[in-house]
Amino acid sequence: MTTIIIEDEKPAARLLQRKLEKINVQVEVMLHSVEEALNWFSENEHPDLIFLDIQLSDGLSFEIFEKTDIKSAVIFTTAYDEYALRAFKLNSIDYLLKPIDEDDLEVAVTKFKNHFQLSKNAGNESIQLDFEQIRKMLSNPFEKTFKKRFTVKIGQHLKVISTDEIECFFSENKGTYIHTFDNRNYLMDCTLEVLEQELDTTDFYRISRKFIIPLKAIKEIVVYSNSRLKIILPTYKEDEVIVSREKVSDFKNWIS
């Protein structure tokens, strides 16, 4: 069984790879764009299974299937709303809504293995997908849903934190943390890159490589050195919260 991941966010791709390794699925290749995927498929034997994100850095992943006759099975990994994706189950092995749950991942892989074995016994190892139908469904308007709460582990306990309680997200020493308005920090099992896809950009903005902040948490904005801005938050005092220079203009538009 050969498996590849097509996902433009490299941290998300690596996280998915680690989760697959836990259930004994080895990923041969990770691809990050339509162009990269097309080049790879032109030079390599197609895999048995593809974990496929829909929106890549240079376009929709369906462009790959328009230009290459892919026979692989597909499991979608996407941030699209689950109701709009129900029909995908008719055309693919499964879909996994980000952030990907490990139990759902194992179920999807088991479903593929069962389907693959049946196809193999029937003498037909290819799985045909109607990507044009899927593209048409995507062109229909639907609302994207955003995370309203996060679950963190504290010892042997789980704590649910609402987005209304969050003063900022920050990264430190390769970890990602929630900082709440009651001045507490909680370690998360994801990256800021993944959080950017899950949060409502009306309310949250990534001001730098280290911080994502909600609009409601901004107490003061101070002009800082090198054309940057400093954000004063209600309780977070562990480090300076700085809007990086390249994001200042977009940040001003966001708060307007």
C-alpha atoms as a PDB file:
ATOM      1  CA  MET A   1       0.000   0.000   0.000  1.00  0.00           C
ATOM      2  CA  THR A   2       1.598   3.246  -1.157  1.00  0.00           C
ATOM      3  CA  THR A   3       0.428   6.546   0.306  1.00  0.00           C
ATOM      4  CA  ILE A   4       1.137  10.229  -0.356  1.00  0.00           C
ATOM      5  CA  ILE A   5      -0.062  13.509   1.159  1.00  0.00           C
ATOM      6  CA  ILE A   6      -0.912  16.601  -0.915  1.00  0.00           C
ATOM      7  CA  GLU A   7      -1.199  19.522   1.514  1.00  0.00           C
ATOM      8  CA  ASP A   8       0.130  23.073   1.119  1.00  0.00           C
ATOM      9  CA  GLU A   9       0.667  23.694   4.849  1.00  0.00           C
ATOM     10  CA  LYS A  10       3.862  21.800   5.681  1.00  0.00           C
ATOM     11  CA  PRO A  11       3.239  21.666   9.468  1.00  0.00           C
ATOM     12  CA  ALA A  12      -0.241  20.233   8.820  1.00  0.00           C
ATOM     13  CA  ALA A  13       1.256  17.675   6.417  1.00  0.00           C
ATOM     14  CA  ARG A  14       3.869  16.605   8.977  1.00  0.00           C
ATOM     15  CA  LEU A  15       1.210  16.344  11.692  1.00  0.00           C
ATOM     16  CA  LEU A  16      -0.914  14.113   9.451  1.00  0.00           C
ATOM     17  CA  GLN A  17       2.153  11.997   8.644  1.00  0.00           C
ATOM     18  CA  ARG A  18       2.825  11.433  12.356  1.00  0.00           C
ATOM     19  CA  LYS A  19      -0.796  10.437  12.959  1.00  0.00           C
ATOM     20  CA  LEU A  20      -0.658   7.975  10.053  1.00  0.00           C
ATOM     21  CA  GLU A  21       2.559   6.439  11.369  1.00  0.00           C
ATOM     22  CA  LYS A  22       0.769   5.721  14.654  1.00  0.00           C
ATOM     23  CA  ILE A  23      -1.627   3.446  12.733  1.00  0.00           C
ATOM     24  CA  ASN A  24       1.188   1.854  10.682  1.00  0.00           C
ATOM     25  CA  VAL A  25       0.620   3.790   7.471  1.00  0.00           C
ATOM     26  CA  GLN A  26       3.882   4.988   5.923  1.00  0.00           C
ATOM     27  CA  VAL A  27       3.820   8.123   3.770  1.00  0.00           C
ATOM     28  CA  GLU A  28       6.196   7.952   0.812  1.00  0.00           C
ATOM     29  CA  VAL A  29       5.928  11.566  -0.357  1.00  0.00           C
ATOM     30  CA  MET A  30       4.471  14.885   0.767  1.00  0.00           C
ATOM     31  CA  LEU A  31       3.564  17.369  -1.985  1.00  0.00           C
ATOM     32  CA  HIS A  32       2.556  20.978  -1.391  1.00  0.00           C
ATOM     33  CA  SER A  33       1.228  22.513  -4.611  1.00  0.00           C
ATOM     34  CA  VAL A  34      -0.583  21.705  -7.855  1.00  0.00           C
ATOM     35  CA  GLU A  35       2.609  22.211  -9.853  1.00  0.00           C
ATOM     36  CA  GLU A  36       4.688  20.013  -7.570  1.00  0.00           C
ATOM     37  CA  ALA A  37       2.060  17.260  -7.684  1.00  0.00           C
ATOM     38  CA  LEU A  38       1.813  17.353 -11.488  1.00  0.00           C
ATOM     39  CA  ASN A  39       5.587  17.053 -11.817  1.00  0.00           C
ATOM     40  CA  TRP A  40       5.684  14.164  -9.363  1.00  0.00           C
ATOM     41  CA  PHE A  41       2.833  12.230 -11.016  1.00  0.00           C
ATOM     42  CA  SER A  42       4.484  12.608 -14.420  1.00  0.00           C
ATOM     43  CA  GLU A  43       7.622  10.868 -13.178  1.00  0.00           C
ATOM     44  CA  ASN A  44       6.339   8.327 -10.648  1.00  0.00           C
ATOM     45  CA  GLU A  45       3.938   5.416 -10.394  1.00  0.00           C
ATOM     46  CA  HIS A  46       0.662   6.585  -8.911  1.00  0.00           C
ATOM     47  CA  PRO A  47       0.034   5.588  -5.279  1.00  0.00           C
ATOM     48  CA  ASP A  48      -2.771   3.471  -3.884  1.00  0.00           C
ATOM     49  CA  LEU A  49      -4.021   6.260  -1.624  1.00  0.00           C
ATOM     50  CA  ILE A  50      -3.849  10.076  -1.622  1.00  0.00           C
ATOM     51  CA  PHE A  51      -4.636  12.295   1.364  1.00  0.00           C
ATOM     52  CA  LEU A  52      -5.771  15.396  -0.481  1.00  0.00           C
ATOM     53  CA  ASP A  53      -6.315  18.965   0.669  1.00  0.00           C
ATOM     54  CA  ILE A  54      -8.662  20.910  -1.609  1.00  0.00           C
ATOM     55  CA  GLN A  55      -7.111  24.371  -1.564  1.00  0.00           C
ATOM     56  CA  LEU A  56      -3.392  24.375  -2.331  1.00  0.00           C
ATOM     57  CA  SER A  57      -1.012  27.318  -2.495  1.00  0.00           C
ATOM     58  CA  ASP A  58      -1.340  27.675  -6.285  1.00  0.00           C
ATOM     59  CA  GLY A  59      -4.944  26.616  -6.883  1.00  0.00           C
ATOM     60  CA  LEU A  60      -7.556  23.921  -6.258  1.00  0.00           C
ATOM     61  CA  SER A  61      -6.231  20.376  -6.190  1.00  0.00           C
ATOM     62  CA  PHE A  62      -8.826  19.343  -8.792  1.00  0.00           C
ATOM     63  CA  GLU A  63      -6.506  20.871 -11.396  1.00  0.00           C
ATOM     64  CA  ILE A  64      -4.218  17.882 -10.813  1.00  0.00           C
ATOM     65  CA  PHE A  65      -6.960  15.499 -11.903  1.00  0.00           C
ATOM     66  CA  GLU A  66      -7.860  17.597 -14.919  1.00  0.00           C
ATOM     67  CA  LYS A  67      -4.319  17.292 -16.259  1.00  0.00           C
ATOM     68  CA  THR A  68      -3.394  13.783 -15.085  1.00  0.00           C
ATOM     69  CA  ASP A  69      -5.375  10.562 -15.213  1.00  0.00           C
ATOM     70  CA  ILE A  70      -5.229   9.657 -11.531  1.00  0.00           C
ATOM     71  CA  LYS A  71      -6.396   6.168 -10.573  1.00  0.00           C
ATOM     72  CA  SER A  72      -5.590   6.467  -6.857  1.00  0.00           C
ATOM     73  CA  ALA A  73      -8.129   6.391  -4.052  1.00  0.00           C
ATOM     74  CA  VAL A  74      -8.624   9.713  -2.281  1.00  0.00           C
ATOM     75  CA  ILE A  75      -9.310  10.716   1.307  1.00  0.00           C
ATOM     76  CA  PHE A  76     -10.046  14.435   1.505  1.00  0.00           C
ATOM     77  CA  THR A  77      -8.406  16.435   4.296  1.00  0.00           C
ATOM     78  CA  THR A  78     -10.092  19.806   4.331  1.00  0.00           C
ATOM     79  CA  ALA A  79     -11.368  22.728   6.354  1.00  0.00           C
ATOM     80  CA  TYR A  80     -14.589  22.933   4.280  1.00  0.00           C
ATOM     81  CA  ASP A  81     -17.889  22.710   6.109  1.00  0.00           C
ATOM     82  CA  GLU A  82     -18.953  19.135   6.754  1.00  0.00           C
ATOM     83  CA  TYR A  83     -22.474  19.591   5.354  1.00  0.00           C
ATOM     84  CA  ALA A  84     -21.138  20.663   1.956  1.00  0.00           C
ATOM     85  CA  LEU A  85     -18.923  17.593   1.928  1.00  0.00           C
ATOM     86  CA  ARG A  86     -21.514  14.921   2.653  1.00  0.00           C
ATOM     87  CA  ALA A  87     -21.908  14.174  -1.046  1.00  0.00           C
ATOM     88  CA  PHE A  88     -18.156  13.591  -1.341  1.00  0.00           C
ATOM     89  CA  LYS A  89     -18.663  10.243   0.335  1.00  0.00           C
ATOM     90  CA  LEU A  90     -20.330   9.040  -2.846  1.00  0.00           C
ATOM     91  CA  ASN A  91     -17.177   9.745  -4.835  1.00  0.00           C
ATOM     92  CA  SER A  92     -14.257   9.227  -2.466  1.00  0.00           C
ATOM     93  CA  ILE A  93     -13.193   6.884   0.296  1.00  0.00           C
ATOM     94  CA  ASP A  94     -13.901   9.518   2.961  1.00  0.00           C
ATOM     95  CA  TYR A  95     -13.193  13.076   4.048  1.00  0.00           C
ATOM     96  CA  LEU A  96     -11.543  14.298   7.211  1.00  0.00           C
ATOM     97  CA  LEU A  97     -12.438  17.709   8.540  1.00  0.00           C
ATOM     98  CA  LYS A  98      -9.513  19.665  10.010  1.00  0.00           C
ATOM     99  CA  PRO A  99      -8.296  19.418  12.702  1.00  0.00           C
ATOM    100  CA  ILE A 100      -8.108  15.711  11.929  1.00  0.00           C
ATOM    101  CA  ASP A 101      -9.294  13.412  14.681  1.00  0.00           C
ATOM    102  CA  GLU A 102      -7.100  10.315  15.090  1.00  0.00           C
ATOM    103  CA  ASP A 103     -10.066   7.976  15.496  1.00  0.00           C
ATOM    104  CA  ASP A 104     -11.682   9.341  12.317  1.00  0.00           C
ATOM    105  CA  LEU A 105      -8.372   8.923  10.526  1.00  0.00           C
ATOM    106  CA  GLU A 106      -8.122   5.273  11.521  1.00  0.00           C
ATOM    107  CA  VAL A 107     -11.717   4.631  10.407  1.00  0.00           C
ATOM    108  CA  ALA A 108     -11.014   6.230   7.008  1.00  0.00           C
ATOM    109  CA  VAL A 109      -7.855   4.158   6.487  1.00  0.00           C
ATOM    110  CA  THR A 110      -9.693   0.967   7.454  1.00  0.00           C
ATOM    111  CA  LYS A 111     -12.455   1.865   4.992  1.00  0.00           C
ATOM    112  CA  PHE A 112      -9.854   2.292   2.263  1.00  0.00           C
ATOM    113  CA  LYS A 113      -8.162  -1.030   3.060  1.00  0.00           C
ATOM    114  CA  ASN A 114     -11.494  -2.843   2.875  1.00  0.00           C
ATOM    115  CA  HIS A 115     -12.407  -1.120  -0.405  1.00  0.00           C
ATOM    116  CA  PHE A 116      -8.952  -1.741  -1.848  1.00  0.00           C
ATOM    117  CA  GLN A 117      -9.096  -5.432  -1.007  1.00  0.00           C
ATOM    118  CA  LEU A 118     -12.540  -5.785  -2.589  1.00  0.00           C
ATOM    119  CA  SER A 119     -11.380  -3.984  -5.745  1.00  0.00           C
ATOM    120  CA  LYS A 120      -8.272  -6.139  -5.891  1.00  0.00           C
ATOM    121  CA  ASN A 121     -10.276  -9.346  -5.549  1.00  0.00           C
ATOM    122  CA  ALA A 122     -12.536  -8.117  -8.334  1.00  0.00           C
ATOM    123  CA  GLY A 123      -9.533  -7.508 -10.563  1.00  0.00           C
ATOM    124  CA  ASN A 124      -9.938  -3.718 -10.606  1.00  0.00           C
ATOM    125  CA  GLU A 125      -7.569  -1.725  -8.422  1.00  0.00           C
ATOM    126  CA  SER A 126      -8.562   1.728  -9.660  1.00  0.00           C
ATOM    127  CA  ILE A 127     -11.176   3.934  -8.044  1.00  0.00           C
ATOM    128  CA  GLN A 128     -12.857   6.437 -10.334  1.00  0.00           C
ATOM    129  CA  LEU A 129     -13.898   9.749  -8.818  1.00  0.00           C
ATOM    130  CA  ASP A 130     -16.211  12.323 -10.351  1.00  0.00           C
ATOM    131  CA  PHE A 131     -14.094  15.407  -9.658  1.00  0.00           C
ATOM    132  CA  GLU A 132     -16.157  17.629 -11.947  1.00  0.00           C
ATOM    133  CA  GLN A 133     -19.196  16.947  -9.796  1.00  0.00           C
ATOM    134  CA  ILE A 134     -17.191  17.814  -6.700  1.00  0.00           C
ATOM    135  CA  ARG A 135     -15.936  21.025  -8.327  1.00  0.00           C
ATOM    136  CA  LYS A 136     -19.531  22.048  -9.104  1.00  0.00           C
ATOM    137  CA  MET A 137     -20.532  21.479  -5.514  1.00  0.00           C
ATOM    138  CA  LEU A 138     -17.681  23.692  -4.362  1.00  0.00           C
ATOM    139  CA  SER A 139     -18.849  26.482  -6.635  1.00  0.00           C
ATOM    140  CA  ASN A 140     -22.141  26.603  -4.763  1.00  0.00           C
ATOM    141  CA  PRO A 141     -22.124  29.116  -1.902  1.00  0.00           C
ATOM    142  CA  PHE A 142     -21.900  27.788   1.620  1.00  0.00           C
ATOM    143  CA  GLU A 143     -20.652  29.168   4.881  1.00  0.00           C
ATOM    144  CA  LYS A 144     -17.371  27.990   6.277  1.00  0.00           C
ATOM    145  CA  THR A 145     -17.601  27.117   9.956  1.00  0.00           C
ATOM    146  CA  PHE A 146     -14.925  28.159  12.416  1.00  0.00           C
ATOM    147  CA  LYS A 147     -13.771  26.747  15.719  1.00  0.00           C
ATOM    148  CA  LYS A 148     -15.629  28.148  18.699  1.00  0.00           C
ATOM    149  CA  ARG A 149     -13.817  26.149  21.374  1.00  0.00           C
ATOM    150  CA  PHE A 150     -10.645  24.125  21.892  1.00  0.00           C
ATOM    151  CA  THR A 151      -9.896  21.130  24.076  1.00  0.00           C
ATOM    152  CA  VAL A 152      -6.609  21.000  26.000  1.00  0.00           C
ATOM    153  CA  LYS A 153      -5.187  18.305  28.240  1.00  0.00           C
ATOM    154  CA  ILE A 154      -4.263  19.118  31.826  1.00  0.00           C
ATOM    155  CA  GLY A 155      -2.732  16.041  33.429  1.00  0.00           C
ATOM    156  CA  GLN A 156      -5.376  13.336  33.136  1.00  0.00           C
ATOM    157  CA  HIS A 157      -8.160  15.866  32.575  1.00  0.00           C
ATOM    158  CA  LEU A 158      -9.534  17.654  29.523  1.00  0.00           C
ATOM    159  CA  LYS A 159     -10.522  21.310  29.600  1.00  0.00           C
ATOM    160  CA  VAL A 160     -12.736  23.016  27.035  1.00  0.00           C
ATOM    161  CA  ILE A 161     -11.808  26.633  26.315  1.00  0.00           C
ATOM    162  CA  SER A 162     -14.190  28.893  24.414  1.00  0.00           C
ATOM    163  CA  THR A 163     -12.753  31.401  21.917  1.00  0.00           C
ATOM    164  CA  ASP A 164     -14.383  34.112  24.045  1.00  0.00           C
ATOM    165  CA  GLU A 165     -11.938  33.208  26.845  1.00  0.00           C
ATOM    166  CA  ILE A 166      -8.817  33.471  24.662  1.00  0.00           C
ATOM    167  CA  GLU A 167      -6.587  36.527  24.944  1.00  0.00           C
ATOM    168  CA  CYS A 168      -4.025  35.227  22.429  1.00  0.00           C
ATOM    169  CA  PHE A 169      -2.353  32.186  20.934  1.00  0.00           C
ATOM    170  CA  PHE A 170       1.446  32.121  21.009  1.00  0.00           C
ATOM    171  CA  SER A 171       4.306  29.790  20.111  1.00  0.00           C
ATOM    172  CA  GLU A 172       7.298  29.168  22.328  1.00  0.00           C
ATOM    173  CA  ASN A 173      10.045  26.511  22.324  1.00  0.00           C
ATOM    174  CA  LYS A 174       8.321  24.607  19.486  1.00  0.00           C
ATOM    175  CA  GLY A 175       5.041  24.517  21.417  1.00  0.00           C
ATOM    176  CA  THR A 176       1.757  26.339  20.795  1.00  0.00           C
ATOM    177  CA  TYR A 177      -0.180  27.807  23.702  1.00  0.00           C
ATOM    178  CA  ILE A 178      -3.538  29.393  24.520  1.00  0.00           C
ATOM    179  CA  HIS A 179      -3.330  32.362  26.872  1.00  0.00           C
ATOM    180  CA  THR A 180      -6.668  33.169  28.491  1.00  0.00           C
ATOM    181  CA  PHE A 181      -8.082  36.373  29.947  1.00  0.00           C
ATOM    182  CA  ASP A 182      -7.640  34.904  33.444  1.00  0.00           C
ATOM    183  CA  ASN A 183      -3.858  34.887  32.812  1.00  0.00           C
ATOM    184  CA  ARG A 184      -3.364  31.150  32.307  1.00  0.00           C
ATOM    185  CA  ASN A 185      -1.414  29.278  29.611  1.00  0.00           C
ATOM    186  CA  TYR A 186      -2.458  25.936  28.093  1.00  0.00           C
ATOM    187  CA  LEU A 187      -0.353  23.790  25.761  1.00  0.00           C
ATOM    188  CA  MET A 188      -2.069  22.789  22.499  1.00  0.00           C
ATOM    189  CA  ASP A 189      -1.539  19.888  20.110  1.00  0.00           C
ATOM    190  CA  CYS A 190      -1.361  21.960  16.916  1.00  0.00           C
ATOM    191  CA  THR A 191       0.539  24.812  15.271  1.00  0.00           C
ATOM    192  CA  LEU A 192      -0.292  28.452  14.611  1.00  0.00           C
ATOM    193  CA  GLU A 193      -0.458  27.542  10.909  1.00  0.00           C
ATOM    194  CA  VAL A 194      -3.259  25.078  11.604  1.00  0.00           C
ATOM    195  CA  LEU A 195      -5.026  27.567  13.887  1.00  0.00           C
ATOM    196  CA  GLU A 196      -5.060  30.166  11.096  1.00  0.00           C
ATOM    197  CA  GLN A 197      -7.309  27.818   9.089  1.00  0.00           C
ATOM    198  CA  GLU A 198      -9.640  27.150  12.020  1.00  0.00           C
ATOM    199  CA  LEU A 199     -10.236  30.654  13.368  1.00  0.00           C
ATOM    200  CA  ASP A 200     -12.635  33.296  12.096  1.00  0.00           C
ATOM    201  CA  THR A 201     -10.415  35.967  10.536  1.00  0.00           C
ATOM    202  CA  THR A 202     -13.010  38.596  11.413  1.00  0.00           C
ATOM    203  CA  ASP A 203     -12.142  38.051  15.072  1.00  0.00           C
ATOM    204  CA  PHE A 204      -8.572  36.695  15.004  1.00  0.00           C
ATOM    205  CA  TYR A 205      -5.439  37.862  13.189  1.00  0.00           C
ATOM    206  CA  ARG A 206      -1.920  36.455  13.035  1.00  0.00           C
ATOM    207  CA  ILE A 207       0.267  39.485  13.714  1.00  0.00           C
ATOM    208  CA  SER A 208       3.618  37.656  13.529  1.00  0.00           C
ATOM    209  CA  ARG A 209       5.209  34.222  13.426  1.00  0.00           C
ATOM    210  CA  LYS A 210       4.663  33.993  17.180  1.00  0.00           C
ATOM    211  CA  PHE A 211       1.190  35.464  17.877  1.00  0.00           C
ATOM    212  CA  ILE A 212      -2.454  35.219  16.858  1.00  0.00           C
ATOM    213  CA  ILE A 213      -4.632  37.730  18.700  1.00  0.00           C
ATOM    214  CA  PRO A 214      -8.387  38.424  18.871  1.00  0.00           C
ATOM    215  CA  LEU A 215      -9.657  41.922  18.179  1.00  0.00           C
ATOM    216  CA  LYS A 216     -11.481  42.026  21.510  1.00  0.00           C
ATOM    217  CA  ALA A 217      -8.223  41.524  23.454  1.00  0.00           C
ATOM    218  CA  ILE A 218      -6.454  44.620  22.106  1.00  0.00           C
ATOM    219  CA  LYS A 219      -6.085  47.092  24.977  1.00  0.00           C
ATOM    220  CA  GLU A 220      -3.682  49.537  23.319  1.00  0.00           C
ATOM    221  CA  ILE A 221      -1.725  49.881  20.065  1.00  0.00           C
ATOM    222  CA  VAL A 222       1.619  51.648  20.334  1.00  0.00           C
ATOM    223  CA  VAL A 223       3.924  52.784  17.518  1.00  0.00           C
ATOM    224  CA  TYR A 224       7.121  50.729  17.825  1.00  0.00           C
ATOM    225  CA  SER A 225      10.580  50.727  16.259  1.00  0.00           C
ATOM    226  CA  ASN A 226      11.276  49.801  12.608  1.00  0.00           C
ATOM    227  CA  SER A 227       7.753  50.756  11.482  1.00  0.00           C
ATOM    228  CA  ARG A 228       6.176  48.075  13.656  1.00  0.00           C
ATOM    229  CA  LEU A 229       3.318  48.206  16.158  1.00  0.00           C
ATOM    230  CA  LYS A 230       3.223  46.987  19.747  1.00  0.00           C
ATOM    231  CA  ILE A 231       0.008  45.478  21.108  1.00  0.00           C
ATOM    232  CA  ILE A 232      -0.866  45.786  24.780  1.00  0.00           C
ATOM    233  CA  LEU A 233      -3.023  42.896  25.980  1.00  0.00           C
ATOM    234  CA  PRO A 234      -4.927  42.785  29.300  1.00  0.00           C
ATOM    235  CA  THR A 235      -2.849  40.109  31.096  1.00  0.00           C
ATOM    236  CA  TYR A 236      -0.177  38.659  28.772  1.00  0.00           C
ATOM    237  CA  LYS A 237       3.196  40.061  29.942  1.00  0.00           C
ATOM    238  CA  GLU A 238       5.632  37.254  29.116  1.00  0.00           C
ATOM    239  CA  ASP A 239       6.961  38.833  25.925  1.00  0.00           C
ATOM    240  CA  GLU A 240       6.371  41.873  23.758  1.00  0.00           C
ATOM    241  CA  VAL A 241       3.450  41.397  21.370  1.00  0.00           C
ATOM    242  CA  ILE A 242       4.653  42.975  18.137  1.00  0.00           C
ATOM    243  CA  VAL A 243       2.951  43.298  14.746  1.00  0.00           C
ATOM    244  CA  SER A 244       5.668  42.407  12.242  1.00  0.00           C
ATOM    245  CA  ARG A 245       6.564  45.145   9.776  1.00  0.00           C
ATOM    246  CA  GLU A 246       5.264  43.294   6.704  1.00  0.00           C
ATOM    247  CA  LYS A 247       1.871  42.816   8.389  1.00  0.00           C
ATOM    248  CA  VAL A 248       1.310  46.356   9.681  1.00  0.00           C
ATOM    249  CA  SER A 249      -0.669  47.566   6.659  1.00  0.00           C
ATOM    250  CA  ASP A 250      -2.927  44.485   6.580  1.00  0.00           C
ATOM    251  CA  PHE A 251      -3.348  44.666  10.353  1.00  0.00           C
ATOM    252  CA  LYS A 252      -4.569  48.277  10.110  1.00  0.00           C
ATOM    253  CA  ASN A 253      -7.126  47.195   7.513  1.00  0.00           C
ATOM    254  CA  TRP A 254      -8.224  44.332   9.768  1.00  0.00           C
ATOM    255  CA  ILE A 255      -8.917  46.567  12.780  1.00  0.00           C
ATOM    256  CA  SER A 256     -10.677  49.236  10.692  1.00  0.00           C
END
